[in-house]
Amino acid sequence: MIPNSIKPGDTIGVIAPSNVILEKDEEYINKSTKLFEDLGYKVKFGKYVRENTLGYGAIAKQKAEDINNMFANKEVKAIICVKGGEDSNSTFDYIDYEVINNNPKIICGFSDITSITNAIYSKTGLVTFNGPTFKSLTSWETDYAFKELIKRFQDKSLEIGV
């Protein structure tokens, strides 16, 4: 199953299934938000992206709730994980794979996020993406990652049936 491409006007969901957004990350998060908004996208953050119950993020049920809510939200057309880290595998039992199967969309991240994208692919057949995290779009030295992400995710060949 291949997710649809994105276009200006769409909403990009941002979740933190690994590590939380910390105060030191805010500058990059704000810059990444601005990059998307300057191209006409809307950015929606998950309810628990700043929750730090465990010292590295929210509890597993909260992280999974953000994943499930972003997939269920018809306005959200793509999901980008805020950053890597640890413990995303704790969400597996709480992810609603049926919701994902019924609402296929782009999900992207790397590092610890790979365990989630692999689980989603394994359970649903949804093609997922190893690529930059939301923070890395502006914390790296160049804008290459952002330009390539936009180029790939706006690609009409992602459209089902094309």
C-alpha atoms as a PDB file:
ATOM      1  CA  MET A   1       0.000   0.000   0.000  1.00  0.00           C
ATOM      2  CA  ILE A   2       1.503   3.311  -1.108  1.00  0.00           C
ATOM      3  CA  PRO A   3       0.511   6.563   0.639  1.00  0.00           C
ATOM      4  CA  ASN A   4      -0.672   9.587  -1.307  1.00  0.00           C
ATOM      5  CA  SER A   5       1.613  12.514  -2.024  1.00  0.00           C
ATOM      6  CA  ILE A   6       1.268  15.869  -0.285  1.00  0.00           C
ATOM      7  CA  LYS A   7       0.609  19.350  -1.657  1.00  0.00           C
ATOM      8  CA  PRO A   8       0.559  22.881  -0.273  1.00  0.00           C
ATOM      9  CA  GLY A   9      -2.491  23.399   1.907  1.00  0.00           C
ATOM     10  CA  ASP A  10      -2.159  19.921   3.436  1.00  0.00           C
ATOM     11  CA  THR A  11      -1.524  19.365   7.123  1.00  0.00           C
ATOM     12  CA  ILE A  12       1.681  17.728   8.307  1.00  0.00           C
ATOM     13  CA  GLY A  13       1.372  15.910  11.634  1.00  0.00           C
ATOM     14  CA  VAL A  14       4.333  15.885  14.027  1.00  0.00           C
ATOM     15  CA  ILE A  15       4.632  13.183  16.680  1.00  0.00           C
ATOM     16  CA  ALA A  16       7.247  12.118  19.252  1.00  0.00           C
ATOM     17  CA  PRO A  17       7.117   8.320  19.543  1.00  0.00           C
ATOM     18  CA  SER A  18      10.750   8.264  20.683  1.00  0.00           C
ATOM     19  CA  ASN A  19      12.211  11.299  22.426  1.00  0.00           C
ATOM     20  CA  VAL A  20      10.288  14.380  23.484  1.00  0.00           C
ATOM     21  CA  ILE A  21      10.739  17.960  22.270  1.00  0.00           C
ATOM     22  CA  LEU A  22      13.009  19.605  24.823  1.00  0.00           C
ATOM     23  CA  GLU A  23      13.567  23.311  25.393  1.00  0.00           C
ATOM     24  CA  LYS A  24      16.899  23.088  23.538  1.00  0.00           C
ATOM     25  CA  ASP A  25      15.017  21.708  20.491  1.00  0.00           C
ATOM     26  CA  GLU A  26      12.471  24.532  20.259  1.00  0.00           C
ATOM     27  CA  GLU A  27      14.582  26.739  17.967  1.00  0.00           C
ATOM     28  CA  TYR A  28      14.828  23.914  15.398  1.00  0.00           C
ATOM     29  CA  ILE A  29      11.179  22.928  15.797  1.00  0.00           C
ATOM     30  CA  ASN A  30      10.102  26.531  15.170  1.00  0.00           C
ATOM     31  CA  LYS A  31      12.378  26.790  12.124  1.00  0.00           C
ATOM     32  CA  SER A  32      11.093  23.492  10.692  1.00  0.00           C
ATOM     33  CA  THR A  33       7.501  24.627  11.248  1.00  0.00           C
ATOM     34  CA  LYS A  34       8.271  27.852   9.392  1.00  0.00           C
ATOM     35  CA  LEU A  35       9.790  25.930   6.450  1.00  0.00           C
ATOM     36  CA  PHE A  36       6.543  24.030   5.959  1.00  0.00           C
ATOM     37  CA  GLU A  37       4.308  27.035   6.552  1.00  0.00           C
ATOM     38  CA  ASP A  38       6.309  29.133   4.064  1.00  0.00           C
ATOM     39  CA  LEU A  39       5.466  26.508   1.414  1.00  0.00           C
ATOM     40  CA  GLY A  40       1.772  26.643   2.304  1.00  0.00           C
ATOM     41  CA  TYR A  41       1.525  23.614   4.585  1.00  0.00           C
ATOM     42  CA  LYS A  42      -0.134  23.527   7.994  1.00  0.00           C
ATOM     43  CA  VAL A  43       1.655  21.845  10.907  1.00  0.00           C
ATOM     44  CA  LYS A  44      -0.187  20.013  13.672  1.00  0.00           C
ATOM     45  CA  PHE A  45       1.646  18.712  16.725  1.00  0.00           C
ATOM     46  CA  GLY A  46       0.557  15.619  18.611  1.00  0.00           C
ATOM     47  CA  LYS A  47      -0.878  16.103  22.072  1.00  0.00           C
ATOM     48  CA  TYR A  48       2.119  14.450  23.772  1.00  0.00           C
ATOM     49  CA  VAL A  49       5.156  15.752  21.830  1.00  0.00           C
ATOM     50  CA  ARG A  50       6.289  17.749  24.860  1.00  0.00           C
ATOM     51  CA  GLU A  51       5.194  15.258  27.536  1.00  0.00           C
ATOM     52  CA  ASN A  52       8.215  14.027  29.485  1.00  0.00           C
ATOM     53  CA  THR A  53       6.867  11.564  32.025  1.00  0.00           C
ATOM     54  CA  LEU A  54       9.744   9.109  31.565  1.00  0.00           C
ATOM     55  CA  GLY A  55      12.634  11.565  31.191  1.00  0.00           C
ATOM     56  CA  TYR A  56      12.764  10.865  27.452  1.00  0.00           C
ATOM     57  CA  GLY A  57       9.135  11.259  26.506  1.00  0.00           C
ATOM     58  CA  ALA A  58       5.562  10.278  27.187  1.00  0.00           C
ATOM     59  CA  ILE A  59       4.406   6.844  28.286  1.00  0.00           C
ATOM     60  CA  ALA A  60       3.822   4.227  25.582  1.00  0.00           C
ATOM     61  CA  LYS A  61       0.024   4.611  25.530  1.00  0.00           C
ATOM     62  CA  GLN A  62       0.332   8.382  25.021  1.00  0.00           C
ATOM     63  CA  LYS A  63       2.877   8.014  22.233  1.00  0.00           C
ATOM     64  CA  ALA A  64       0.635   5.465  20.524  1.00  0.00           C
ATOM     65  CA  GLU A  65      -2.380   7.726  21.015  1.00  0.00           C
ATOM     66  CA  ASP A  66      -0.586  10.438  19.042  1.00  0.00           C
ATOM     67  CA  ILE A  67       0.264   7.929  16.287  1.00  0.00           C
ATOM     68  CA  ASN A  68      -3.316   6.659  16.123  1.00  0.00           C
ATOM     69  CA  ASN A  69      -4.830  10.153  16.223  1.00  0.00           C
ATOM     70  CA  MET A  70      -2.623  11.430  13.401  1.00  0.00           C
ATOM     71  CA  PHE A  71      -3.532   8.474  11.194  1.00  0.00           C
ATOM     72  CA  ALA A  72      -7.232   8.840  12.041  1.00  0.00           C
ATOM     73  CA  ASN A  73      -7.261  12.618  11.437  1.00  0.00           C
ATOM     74  CA  LYS A  74      -8.528  13.168   7.871  1.00  0.00           C
ATOM     75  CA  GLU A  75      -6.871  16.609   7.706  1.00  0.00           C
ATOM     76  CA  VAL A  76      -3.383  15.178   8.333  1.00  0.00           C
ATOM     77  CA  LYS A  77      -1.824  14.001   5.065  1.00  0.00           C
ATOM     78  CA  ALA A  78       1.680  13.070   6.295  1.00  0.00           C
ATOM     79  CA  ILE A  79       3.311  12.357   9.643  1.00  0.00           C
ATOM     80  CA  ILE A  80       6.881  13.249  10.531  1.00  0.00           C
ATOM     81  CA  CYS A  81       8.461  12.088  13.759  1.00  0.00           C
ATOM     82  CA  VAL A  82      10.065  14.908  15.694  1.00  0.00           C
ATOM     83  CA  LYS A  83      13.309  13.055  16.440  1.00  0.00           C
ATOM     84  CA  GLY A  84      14.761   9.646  17.157  1.00  0.00           C
ATOM     85  CA  GLY A  85      15.751   8.390  20.561  1.00  0.00           C
ATOM     86  CA  GLU A  86      14.671   5.278  22.378  1.00  0.00           C
ATOM     87  CA  ASP A  87      11.705   3.210  23.474  1.00  0.00           C
ATOM     88  CA  SER A  88       9.418   3.603  20.467  1.00  0.00           C
ATOM     89  CA  ASN A  89       9.025  -0.182  20.464  1.00  0.00           C
ATOM     90  CA  SER A  90       7.003   0.171  23.677  1.00  0.00           C
ATOM     91  CA  THR A  91       4.139   1.545  21.561  1.00  0.00           C
ATOM     92  CA  PHE A  92       3.609  -1.570  19.428  1.00  0.00           C
ATOM     93  CA  ASP A  93       0.850  -3.092  21.552  1.00  0.00           C
ATOM     94  CA  TYR A  94      -1.086   0.190  21.587  1.00  0.00           C
ATOM     95  CA  ILE A  95      -0.887   1.128  17.914  1.00  0.00           C
ATOM     96  CA  ASP A  96      -4.204   0.682  16.099  1.00  0.00           C
ATOM     97  CA  TYR A  97      -3.049  -0.963  12.888  1.00  0.00           C
ATOM     98  CA  GLU A  98      -6.616  -1.093  11.572  1.00  0.00           C
ATOM     99  CA  VAL A  99      -6.821   2.720  11.759  1.00  0.00           C
ATOM    100  CA  ILE A 100      -3.534   2.916   9.850  1.00  0.00           C
ATOM    101  CA  ASN A 101      -4.739   0.383   7.286  1.00  0.00           C
ATOM    102  CA  ASN A 102      -7.892   2.434   6.716  1.00  0.00           C
ATOM    103  CA  ASN A 103      -6.046   5.787   6.585  1.00  0.00           C
ATOM    104  CA  PRO A 104      -2.750   5.219   4.779  1.00  0.00           C
ATOM    105  CA  LYS A 105      -0.450   8.218   4.745  1.00  0.00           C
ATOM    106  CA  ILE A 106       3.216   9.086   4.727  1.00  0.00           C
ATOM    107  CA  ILE A 107       5.097   8.464   7.962  1.00  0.00           C
ATOM    108  CA  CYS A 108       8.759   9.403   8.144  1.00  0.00           C
ATOM    109  CA  GLY A 109      11.647   9.329  10.586  1.00  0.00           C
ATOM    110  CA  PHE A 110      14.886   7.503  11.328  1.00  0.00           C
ATOM    111  CA  SER A 111      16.924   5.980  14.137  1.00  0.00           C
ATOM    112  CA  ASP A 112      14.598   4.550  16.804  1.00  0.00           C
ATOM    113  CA  ILE A 113      11.601   5.463  14.609  1.00  0.00           C
ATOM    114  CA  THR A 114      12.604   2.664  12.229  1.00  0.00           C
ATOM    115  CA  SER A 115      11.140   0.118  14.631  1.00  0.00           C
ATOM    116  CA  ILE A 116       7.721   1.805  14.324  1.00  0.00           C
ATOM    117  CA  THR A 117       7.851   2.200  10.556  1.00  0.00           C
ATOM    118  CA  ASN A 118       8.894  -1.452  10.239  1.00  0.00           C
ATOM    119  CA  ALA A 119       6.053  -2.566  12.534  1.00  0.00           C
ATOM    120  CA  ILE A 120       3.549  -0.513  10.553  1.00  0.00           C
ATOM    121  CA  TYR A 121       4.764  -1.985   7.264  1.00  0.00           C
ATOM    122  CA  SER A 122       4.748  -5.510   8.695  1.00  0.00           C
ATOM    123  CA  LYS A 123       1.183  -5.232  10.077  1.00  0.00           C
ATOM    124  CA  THR A 124      -0.434  -3.177   7.283  1.00  0.00           C
ATOM    125  CA  GLY A 125       1.719  -3.294   4.156  1.00  0.00           C
ATOM    126  CA  LEU A 126       1.895   0.537   4.186  1.00  0.00           C
ATOM    127  CA  VAL A 127       5.105   1.762   2.592  1.00  0.00           C
ATOM    128  CA  THR A 128       6.878   3.898   5.201  1.00  0.00           C
ATOM    129  CA  PHE A 129       9.868   6.193   4.904  1.00  0.00           C
ATOM    130  CA  ASN A 130      13.279   6.351   6.517  1.00  0.00           C
ATOM    131  CA  GLY A 131      14.130  10.006   6.225  1.00  0.00           C
ATOM    132  CA  PRO A 132      14.775  13.147   8.184  1.00  0.00           C
ATOM    133  CA  THR A 133      13.050  13.889  11.440  1.00  0.00           C
ATOM    134  CA  PHE A 134      11.219  17.157  11.960  1.00  0.00           C
ATOM    135  CA  LYS A 135      14.055  18.533  14.105  1.00  0.00           C
ATOM    136  CA  SER A 136      16.795  17.443  11.698  1.00  0.00           C
ATOM    137  CA  LEU A 137      15.242  19.422   8.849  1.00  0.00           C
ATOM    138  CA  THR A 138      16.790  22.563  10.332  1.00  0.00           C
ATOM    139  CA  SER A 139      19.413  21.281  12.776  1.00  0.00           C
ATOM    140  CA  TRP A 140      21.631  19.909  10.009  1.00  0.00           C
ATOM    141  CA  GLU A 141      24.056  22.221   8.216  1.00  0.00           C
ATOM    142  CA  THR A 142      22.220  22.453   4.887  1.00  0.00           C
ATOM    143  CA  ASP A 143      18.652  22.496   3.616  1.00  0.00           C
ATOM    144  CA  TYR A 144      19.247  19.407   1.454  1.00  0.00           C
ATOM    145  CA  ALA A 145      17.120  17.116   3.653  1.00  0.00           C
ATOM    146  CA  PHE A 146      14.121  19.442   3.569  1.00  0.00           C
ATOM    147  CA  LYS A 147      14.327  19.999  -0.196  1.00  0.00           C
ATOM    148  CA  GLU A 148      14.561  16.251  -0.842  1.00  0.00           C
ATOM    149  CA  LEU A 149      11.733  15.448   1.575  1.00  0.00           C
ATOM    150  CA  ILE A 150       9.415  17.920  -0.148  1.00  0.00           C
ATOM    151  CA  LYS A 151      10.467  16.699  -3.593  1.00  0.00           C
ATOM    152  CA  ARG A 152       9.822  13.055  -2.691  1.00  0.00           C
ATOM    153  CA  PHE A 153       6.588  13.558  -0.788  1.00  0.00           C
ATOM    154  CA  GLN A 154       5.050  15.836  -3.418  1.00  0.00           C
ATOM    155  CA  ASP A 155       5.865  13.252  -6.094  1.00  0.00           C
ATOM    156  CA  LYS A 156       2.624  12.231  -7.813  1.00  0.00           C
ATOM    157  CA  SER A 157       4.030   8.747  -8.419  1.00  0.00           C
ATOM    158  CA  LEU A 158       3.246   8.126  -4.747  1.00  0.00           C
ATOM    159  CA  GLU A 159      -0.438   8.268  -5.648  1.00  0.00           C
ATOM    160  CA  ILE A 160      -2.181   4.936  -5.435  1.00  0.00           C
ATOM    161  CA  GLY A 161      -2.943   3.700  -8.922  1.00  0.00           C
ATOM    162  CA  VAL A 162      -0.531   6.008 -10.761  1.00  0.00           C
END
